[in-house]
C-alpha atoms as a PDB file:
ATOM      1  CA  MET A   1      63.342 -22.003   1.983  1.00  0.00           C
ATOM      2  CA  ARG A   2      59.655 -21.394   2.864  1.00  0.00           C
ATOM      3  CA  HIS A   3      59.126 -24.284   5.224  1.00  0.00           C
ATOM      4  CA  ARG A   4      55.825 -24.065   7.176  1.00  0.00           C
ATOM      5  CA  VAL A   5      55.083 -20.642   5.648  1.00  0.00           C
ATOM      6  CA  THR A   6      51.485 -20.390   4.428  1.00  0.00           C
ATOM      7  CA  GLY A   7      50.025 -17.866   2.069  1.00  0.00           C
ATOM      8  CA  SER A   8      51.394 -15.989  -0.912  1.00  0.00           C
ATOM      9  CA  LYS A   9      53.340 -12.744  -1.007  1.00  0.00           C
ATOM     10  CA  LEU A  10      51.216 -11.574  -3.968  1.00  0.00           C
ATOM     11  CA  GLY A  11      54.260  -9.851  -5.452  1.00  0.00           C
ATOM     12  CA  ARG A  12      54.114  -7.126  -2.788  1.00  0.00           C
ATOM     13  CA  THR A  13      55.987  -5.940   0.249  1.00  0.00           C
ATOM     14  CA  ALA A  14      54.599  -6.619   3.727  1.00  0.00           C
ATOM     15  CA  SER A  15      52.965  -3.188   4.092  1.00  0.00           C
ATOM     16  CA  HIS A  16      51.552  -3.245   0.558  1.00  0.00           C
ATOM     17  CA  ARG A  17      50.209  -6.774   1.064  1.00  0.00           C
ATOM     18  CA  ARG A  18      48.540  -5.786   4.338  1.00  0.00           C
ATOM     19  CA  ALA A  19      46.886  -2.768   2.675  1.00  0.00           C
ATOM     20  CA  THR A  20      45.654  -4.926  -0.231  1.00  0.00           C
ATOM     21  CA  LEU A  21      44.097  -7.537   2.049  1.00  0.00           C
ATOM     22  CA  SER A  22      42.528  -4.824   4.190  1.00  0.00           C
ATOM     23  CA  ALA A  23      40.884  -3.268   1.151  1.00  0.00           C
ATOM     24  CA  LEU A  24      39.638  -6.630  -0.158  1.00  0.00           C
ATOM     25  CA  SER A  25      38.228  -7.605   3.256  1.00  0.00           C
ATOM     26  CA  SER A  26      36.423  -4.271   3.591  1.00  0.00           C
ATOM     27  CA  SER A  27      34.918  -4.648   0.108  1.00  0.00           C
ATOM     28  CA  LEU A  28      33.793  -8.210   0.880  1.00  0.00           C
ATOM     29  CA  ILE A  29      32.002  -7.112   4.071  1.00  0.00           C
ATOM     30  CA  GLU A  30      30.374  -4.182   2.277  1.00  0.00           C
ATOM     31  CA  HIS A  31      29.313  -5.854  -1.008  1.00  0.00           C
ATOM     32  CA  LYS A  32      29.113  -9.513   0.176  1.00  0.00           C
ATOM     33  CA  ARG A  33      30.700 -10.652  -3.124  1.00  0.00           C
ATOM     34  CA  ILE A  34      33.805  -9.492  -5.011  1.00  0.00           C
ATOM     35  CA  ARG A  35      35.687 -10.637  -8.113  1.00  0.00           C
ATOM     36  CA  THR A  36      39.486 -10.823  -8.067  1.00  0.00           C
ATOM     37  CA  THR A  37      42.356 -13.146  -8.921  1.00  0.00           C
ATOM     38  CA  LEU A  38      42.444 -16.623  -7.438  1.00  0.00           C
ATOM     39  CA  ALA A  39      45.579 -15.924  -5.363  1.00  0.00           C
ATOM     40  CA  LYS A  40      44.062 -12.762  -3.840  1.00  0.00           C
ATOM     41  CA  ALA A  41      40.749 -14.536  -3.183  1.00  0.00           C
ATOM     42  CA  LYS A  42      42.486 -17.315  -1.233  1.00  0.00           C
ATOM     43  CA  ALA A  43      44.583 -14.811   0.731  1.00  0.00           C
ATOM     44  CA  THR A  44      41.453 -12.778   1.539  1.00  0.00           C
ATOM     45  CA  GLN A  45      39.656 -15.924   2.672  1.00  0.00           C
ATOM     46  CA  ARG A  46      42.446 -16.750   5.129  1.00  0.00           C
ATOM     47  CA  THR A  47      42.322 -13.166   6.435  1.00  0.00           C
ATOM     48  CA  ILE A  48      38.572 -12.575   6.748  1.00  0.00           C
ATOM     49  CA  GLU A  49      37.616 -15.887   8.414  1.00  0.00           C
ATOM     50  CA  PRO A  50      39.310 -15.110  11.789  1.00  0.00           C
ATOM     51  CA  ILE A  51      37.874 -11.573  11.715  1.00  0.00           C
ATOM     52  CA  ILE A  52      34.297 -12.871  11.322  1.00  0.00           C
ATOM     53  CA  THR A  53      34.914 -15.460  14.065  1.00  0.00           C
ATOM     54  CA  ARG A  54      36.020 -12.743  16.495  1.00  0.00           C
ATOM     55  CA  ALA A  55      32.933 -10.668  15.701  1.00  0.00           C
ATOM     56  CA  LYS A  56      30.695 -13.744  16.127  1.00  0.00           C
ATOM     57  CA  ASN A  57      32.165 -14.580  19.537  1.00  0.00           C
ATOM     58  CA  ALA A  58      31.723 -10.973  20.666  1.00  0.00           C
ATOM     59  CA  HIS A  59      28.087 -11.084  19.586  1.00  0.00           C
ATOM     60  CA  ARG A  60      27.494 -14.297  21.565  1.00  0.00           C
ATOM     61  CA  LYS A  61      28.960 -12.753  24.722  1.00  0.00           C
ATOM     62  CA  GLU A  62      26.771  -9.692  24.354  1.00  0.00           C
ATOM     63  CA  GLN A  63      23.686 -11.924  23.976  1.00  0.00           C
ATOM     64  CA  ASP A  64      24.570 -13.773  27.185  1.00  0.00           C
ATOM     65  CA  GLY A  65      24.211 -10.505  29.097  1.00  0.00           C
ATOM     66  CA  GLU A  66      27.765  -9.199  29.148  1.00  0.00           C
ATOM     67  CA  ASN A  67      28.658  -5.632  28.268  1.00  0.00           C
ATOM     68  CA  LYS A  68      29.511  -4.474  24.764  1.00  0.00           C
ATOM     69  CA  ASP A  69      32.826  -6.037  23.649  1.00  0.00           C
ATOM     70  CA  VAL A  70      34.752  -2.875  22.798  1.00  0.00           C
ATOM     71  CA  HIS A  71      38.111  -4.686  22.734  1.00  0.00           C
ATOM     72  CA  ALA A  72      37.019  -6.937  19.832  1.00  0.00           C
ATOM     73  CA  ARG A  73      35.866  -3.890  17.854  1.00  0.00           C
ATOM     74  CA  ARG A  74      39.184  -2.126  18.426  1.00  0.00           C
ATOM     75  CA  VAL A  75      41.207  -5.158  17.338  1.00  0.00           C
ATOM     76  CA  ILE A  76      39.254  -5.418  14.088  1.00  0.00           C
ATOM     77  CA  ALA A  77      39.414  -1.642  13.568  1.00  0.00           C
ATOM     78  CA  ARG A  78      43.209  -1.906  13.414  1.00  0.00           C
ATOM     79  CA  PHE A  79      42.853  -3.889  10.191  1.00  0.00           C
ATOM     80  CA  ILE A  80      39.584  -2.511   8.778  1.00  0.00           C
ATOM     81  CA  HIS A  81      39.829   1.264   8.936  1.00  0.00           C
ATOM     82  CA  LYS A  82      36.218   2.220   8.039  1.00  0.00           C
ATOM     83  CA  PRO A  83      33.964   2.514  11.135  1.00  0.00           C
ATOM     84  CA  ALA A  84      30.791   1.981   9.059  1.00  0.00           C
ATOM     85  CA  ILE A  85      32.049  -1.403   7.814  1.00  0.00           C
ATOM     86  CA  VAL A  86      33.088  -2.472  11.339  1.00  0.00           C
ATOM     87  CA  LYS A  87      29.603  -1.551  12.562  1.00  0.00           C
ATOM     88  CA  GLU A  88      28.003  -3.558   9.736  1.00  0.00           C
ATOM     89  CA  LEU A  89      30.195  -6.554  10.624  1.00  0.00           C
ATOM     90  CA  PHE A  90      29.098  -6.617  14.268  1.00  0.00           C
ATOM     91  CA  ASP A  91      25.450  -5.543  13.796  1.00  0.00           C
ATOM     92  CA  GLU A  92      24.464  -7.440  10.633  1.00  0.00           C
ATOM     93  CA  ILE A  93      26.916 -10.182   9.675  1.00  0.00           C
ATOM     94  CA  ALA A  94      27.808 -11.516  13.151  1.00  0.00           C
ATOM     95  CA  PRO A  95      24.163 -12.260  14.149  1.00  0.00           C
ATOM     96  CA  LYS A  96      23.552 -14.017  10.832  1.00  0.00           C
ATOM     97  CA  VAL A  97      26.560 -16.377  11.147  1.00  0.00           C
ATOM     98  CA  ALA A  98      26.121 -16.960  14.880  1.00  0.00           C
ATOM     99  CA  GLU A  99      25.137 -20.619  14.367  1.00  0.00           C
ATOM    100  CA  ARG A 100      27.773 -21.381  11.710  1.00  0.00           C
ATOM    101  CA  ASN A 101      30.994 -23.066  12.845  1.00  0.00           C
ATOM    102  CA  GLY A 102      33.438 -21.629  10.319  1.00  0.00           C
ATOM    103  CA  GLY A 103      33.308 -21.652   6.552  1.00  0.00           C
ATOM    104  CA  TYR A 104      31.777 -18.187   6.194  1.00  0.00           C
ATOM    105  CA  THR A 105      33.135 -17.601   2.690  1.00  0.00           C
ATOM    106  CA  ARG A 106      33.216 -19.438  -0.635  1.00  0.00           C
ATOM    107  CA  VAL A 107      35.705 -19.178  -3.532  1.00  0.00           C
ATOM    108  CA  VAL A 108      34.430 -19.960  -7.041  1.00  0.00           C
ATOM    109  CA  LYS A 109      36.893 -20.223  -9.937  1.00  0.00           C
ATOM    110  CA  LEU A 110      36.033 -18.356 -13.159  1.00  0.00           C
ATOM    111  CA  GLY A 111      38.836 -19.378 -15.500  1.00  0.00           C
ATOM    112  CA  GLN A 112      41.668 -17.358 -16.987  1.00  0.00           C
ATOM    113  CA  ARG A 113      41.627 -13.661 -17.839  1.00  0.00           C
ATOM    114  CA  ASP A 114      42.202 -12.475 -21.399  1.00  0.00           C
ATOM    115  CA  GLY A 115      45.526 -10.753 -21.814  1.00  0.00           C
ATOM    116  CA  ASP A 116      47.766 -11.893 -18.968  1.00  0.00           C
ATOM    117  CA  GLY A 117      46.068 -15.275 -18.415  1.00  0.00           C
ATOM    118  CA  ALA A 118      45.591 -14.717 -14.677  1.00  0.00           C
ATOM    119  CA  HIS A 119      43.216 -17.116 -12.926  1.00  0.00           C
ATOM    120  CA  LEU A 120      40.070 -15.277 -11.792  1.00  0.00           C
ATOM    121  CA  ALA A 121      37.703 -16.159  -8.962  1.00  0.00           C
ATOM    122  CA  ILE A 122      34.733 -14.870  -6.959  1.00  0.00           C
ATOM    123  CA  ILE A 123      34.818 -14.790  -3.171  1.00  0.00           C
ATOM    124  CA  GLU A 124      31.470 -14.355  -1.426  1.00  0.00           C
ATOM    125  CA  LEU A 125      29.823 -14.696   1.953  1.00  0.00           C
ATOM    126  CA  VAL A 126      27.898 -17.977   2.024  1.00  0.00           C
ATOM    127  CA  ASP A 127      24.891 -16.636   3.945  1.00  0.00           C
ATOM    128  CA  TYR A 128      24.382 -13.749   1.493  1.00  0.00           C
ATOM    129  CA  ASN A 129      24.491 -15.708  -1.777  1.00  0.00           C
ATOM    130  CA  GLU A 130      20.686 -15.650  -2.264  1.00  0.00           C
ATOM    131  CA  ALA A 131      20.377 -11.945  -1.357  1.00  0.00           C
ATOM    132  CA  VAL A 132      22.877 -10.932  -4.061  1.00  0.00           C
ATOM    133  CA  THR A 133      21.153 -12.962  -6.799  1.00  0.00           C
ATOM    134  CA  LYS A 134      17.720 -11.512  -5.873  1.00  0.00           C
ATOM    135  CA  LYS A 135      19.056  -7.957  -6.190  1.00  0.00           C
ATOM    136  CA  LYS A 136      20.392  -8.704  -9.685  1.00  0.00           C
ATOM    137  CA  LYS A 137      17.042 -10.178 -10.810  1.00  0.00           C
ATOM    138  CA  GLN A 138      15.184  -7.117  -9.514  1.00  0.00           C
ATOM    139  CA  LYS A 139      17.514  -4.786 -11.445  1.00  0.00           C
ATOM    140  CA  LYS A 140      16.903  -6.720 -14.693  1.00  0.00           C
ATOM    141  CA  LYS A 141      13.117  -6.544 -14.228  1.00  0.00           C
ATOM    142  CA  THR A 142      13.202  -2.783 -13.672  1.00  0.00           C
ATOM    143  CA  GLU A 143      15.387  -2.223 -16.754  1.00  0.00           C
ATOM    144  CA  LYS A 144      13.109  -4.117 -19.217  1.00  0.00           C
ATOM    145  CA  PRO A 145      10.110  -1.675 -19.307  1.00  0.00           C
ATOM    146  CA  ALA A 146      12.417   1.279 -19.989  1.00  0.00           C
ATOM    147  CA  ALA A 147      13.842  -0.465 -23.084  1.00  0.00           C
ATOM    148  CA  ALA A 148      10.344  -1.281 -24.450  1.00  0.00           C
ATOM    149  CA  ALA A 149       9.284   2.392 -24.673  1.00  0.00           C
ATOM    150  CA  PRO A 150       8.067   3.392 -28.215  1.00  0.00           C
ATOM    151  CA  PRO A 151      10.360   5.685 -30.214  1.00  0.00           C
ATOM    152  CA  LYS A 152       9.444   9.282 -31.019  1.00  0.00           C
ATOM    153  CA  LYS A 153       9.055   8.600 -34.754  1.00  0.00           C
ATOM    154  CA  GLU A 154       6.088   6.283 -34.191  1.00  0.00           C
ATOM    155  CA  GLU A 155       4.383   8.901 -32.012  1.00  0.00           C
ATOM    156  CA  GLU A 156       4.866  11.536 -34.715  1.00  0.00           C
ATOM    157  CA  GLN A 157       3.354   9.208 -37.337  1.00  0.00           C
ATOM    158  CA  GLN A 158       0.333   8.569 -35.130  1.00  0.00           C
ATOM    159  CA  THR A 159      -0.258  12.307 -34.622  1.00  0.00           C
ATOM    160  CA  ALA A 160       0.061  12.902 -38.392  1.00  0.00           C
ATOM    161  CA  GLU A 161      -2.527  10.189 -39.121  1.00  0.00           C
ATOM    162  CA  THR A 162      -4.993  11.656 -36.614  1.00  0.00           C
ATOM    163  CA  THR A 163      -4.669  15.153 -38.118  1.00  0.00           C
ATOM    164  CA  ALA A 164      -5.224  13.730 -41.624  1.00  0.00           C
ATOM    165  CA  GLU A 165      -8.421  11.994 -40.479  1.00  0.00           C
ATOM    166  CA  GLU A 166      -9.703  15.232 -38.919  1.00  0.00           C
ATOM    167  CA  VAL A 167      -9.107  17.133 -42.178  1.00  0.00           C
ATOM    168  CA  GLU A 168     -10.983  14.468 -44.176  1.00  0.00           C
ATOM    169  CA  GLN A 169     -13.944  14.749 -41.812  1.00  0.00           C
ATOM    170  CA  GLU A 170     -14.059  18.559 -42.123  1.00  0.00           C
ATOM    171  CA  VAL A 171     -14.033  18.647 -45.964  1.00  0.00           C
ATOM    172  CA  PRO A 172     -17.411  16.863 -46.539  1.00  0.00           C
ATOM    173  CA  GLU A 173     -19.130  19.228 -44.075  1.00  0.00           C
ATOM    174  CA  GLU A 174     -17.998  22.253 -46.079  1.00  0.00           C
ATOM    175  CA  GLU A 175     -19.278  20.667 -49.315  1.00  0.00           C
ATOM    176  CA  GLU A 176     -22.674  20.023 -47.713  1.00  0.00           C
ATOM    177  CA  LYS A 177     -22.884  23.657 -46.655  1.00  0.00           C
ATOM    178  CA  GLU A 178     -22.132  24.852 -50.199  1.00  0.00           C
ATOM    179  CA  GLN A 179     -24.728  22.618 -51.908  1.00  0.00           C
ATOM    180  CA  PRO A 180     -27.865  24.301 -50.470  1.00  0.00           C
ATOM    181  CA  ALA A 181     -26.638  27.671 -51.691  1.00  0.00           C
ATOM    182  CA  SER A 182     -26.537  26.395 -55.289  1.00  0.00           C
ATOM    183  CA  GLU A 183     -30.008  24.910 -54.950  1.00  0.00           C
ATOM    184  CA  VAL A 184     -31.375  28.191 -53.623  1.00  0.00           C
ATOM    185  CA  SER A 185     -29.893  30.139 -56.516  1.00  0.00           C
ATOM    186  CA  ALA A 186     -31.488  27.709 -58.995  1.00  0.00           C
ATOM    187  CA  GLU A 187     -34.890  28.102 -57.335  1.00  0.00           C
ATOM    188  CA  GLU A 188     -34.584  31.899 -57.433  1.00  0.00           C
ATOM    189  CA  GLU A 189     -33.851  31.794 -61.186  1.00  0.00           C
ATOM    190  CA  THR A 190     -36.975  29.686 -61.882  1.00  0.00           C
ATOM    191  CA  GLU A 191     -39.130  32.048 -59.831  1.00  0.00           C
ATOM    192  CA  VAL A 192     -37.838  35.030 -61.824  1.00  0.00           C
ATOM    193  CA  GLU A 193     -38.605  33.260 -65.095  1.00  0.00           C
ATOM    194  CA  ASP A 194     -42.144  32.416 -63.917  1.00  0.00           C
ATOM    195  CA  LYS A 195     -42.785  36.024 -62.966  1.00  0.00           C
ATOM    196  CA  ALA A 196     -41.495  37.313 -66.297  1.00  0.00           C
ATOM    197  CA  GLU A 197     -43.706  35.024 -68.434  1.00  0.00           C
ATOM    198  CA  PRO A 198     -47.136  36.443 -67.364  1.00  0.00           C
ATOM    199  CA  LYS A 199     -46.061  39.954 -68.300  1.00  0.00           C
ATOM    200  CA  ASP A 200     -45.324  38.835 -71.860  1.00  0.00           C
ATOM    201  CA  ASP A 201     -48.709  37.070 -72.156  1.00  0.00           C
ATOM    202  CA  ALA A 202     -50.534  40.146 -70.915  1.00  0.00           C
ATOM    203  CA  GLY A 203     -48.690  42.306 -73.426  1.00  0.00           C
ATOM    204  CA  GLU A 204     -49.569  39.997 -76.302  1.00  0.00           C
ATOM    205  CA  GLU A 205     -53.299  39.992 -75.324  1.00  0.00           C
ATOM    206  CA  GLU A 206     -53.362  43.788 -75.228  1.00  0.00           C
ATOM    207  CA  LYS A 207     -51.808  43.939 -78.694  1.00  0.00           C
ATOM    208  CA  GLY A 208     -54.392  41.465 -79.989  1.00  0.00           C
ATOM    209  CA  ASP A 209     -57.300  43.586 -78.598  1.00  0.00           C
ATOM    210  CA  ASP A 210     -55.888  46.722 -80.231  1.00  0.00           C
ATOM    211  CA  LYS A 211     -55.752  44.998 -83.616  1.00  0.00           C
ATOM    212  CA  LYS A 212     -59.407  43.850 -83.312  1.00  0.00           C
ATOM    213  CA  GLU A 213     -60.568  47.407 -82.512  1.00  0.00           C
ATOM    214  CA  GLU A 214     -58.747  48.798 -85.540  1.00  0.00           C
ATOM    215  CA  LYS A 215     -60.495  46.342 -87.820  1.00  0.00           C
END
């Protein structure tokens, strides 16, 4: 009988269950929001709330002028094994929740998972809900301009059109250069004909004079 026994065993042994909750608590402190099953989210909530309370009380003592509470950091370090996450808990999260009397986390149900039908949920830190949503909106805004870039095919078509226009502009210039040459040749032919005609007239007059003298 499980009289007065809270929590779930999560289908694990004591050591495995402790390691699972330690990993989930570390991820929650680091990312401020995690997605897991409903049973694990509730177990993590029961585990992380006392840890945040201890860090908050240590922060209040340090603000009142007492020395750094090393004992509180060592107690939490027995459960959370990453020094960087312990430092973030005392330096960032504890000052932010200093005025909150419990209720540091929130569990939101997401429905059942496809396949095994497990109930899913999100557990998040209440004071960091707005910060997480702002980061997601910023990521979406930065991704949109990259997707709107024009494909390479359109650029190639534009370059082909510009080259075709340049060729069309060059062709009329060449035709204009060739036309004066034809006109010059025609003028030269007329001049030659004009020069040749007087010689024939002079020859005919000389022949006519010779005939008159003979008579």
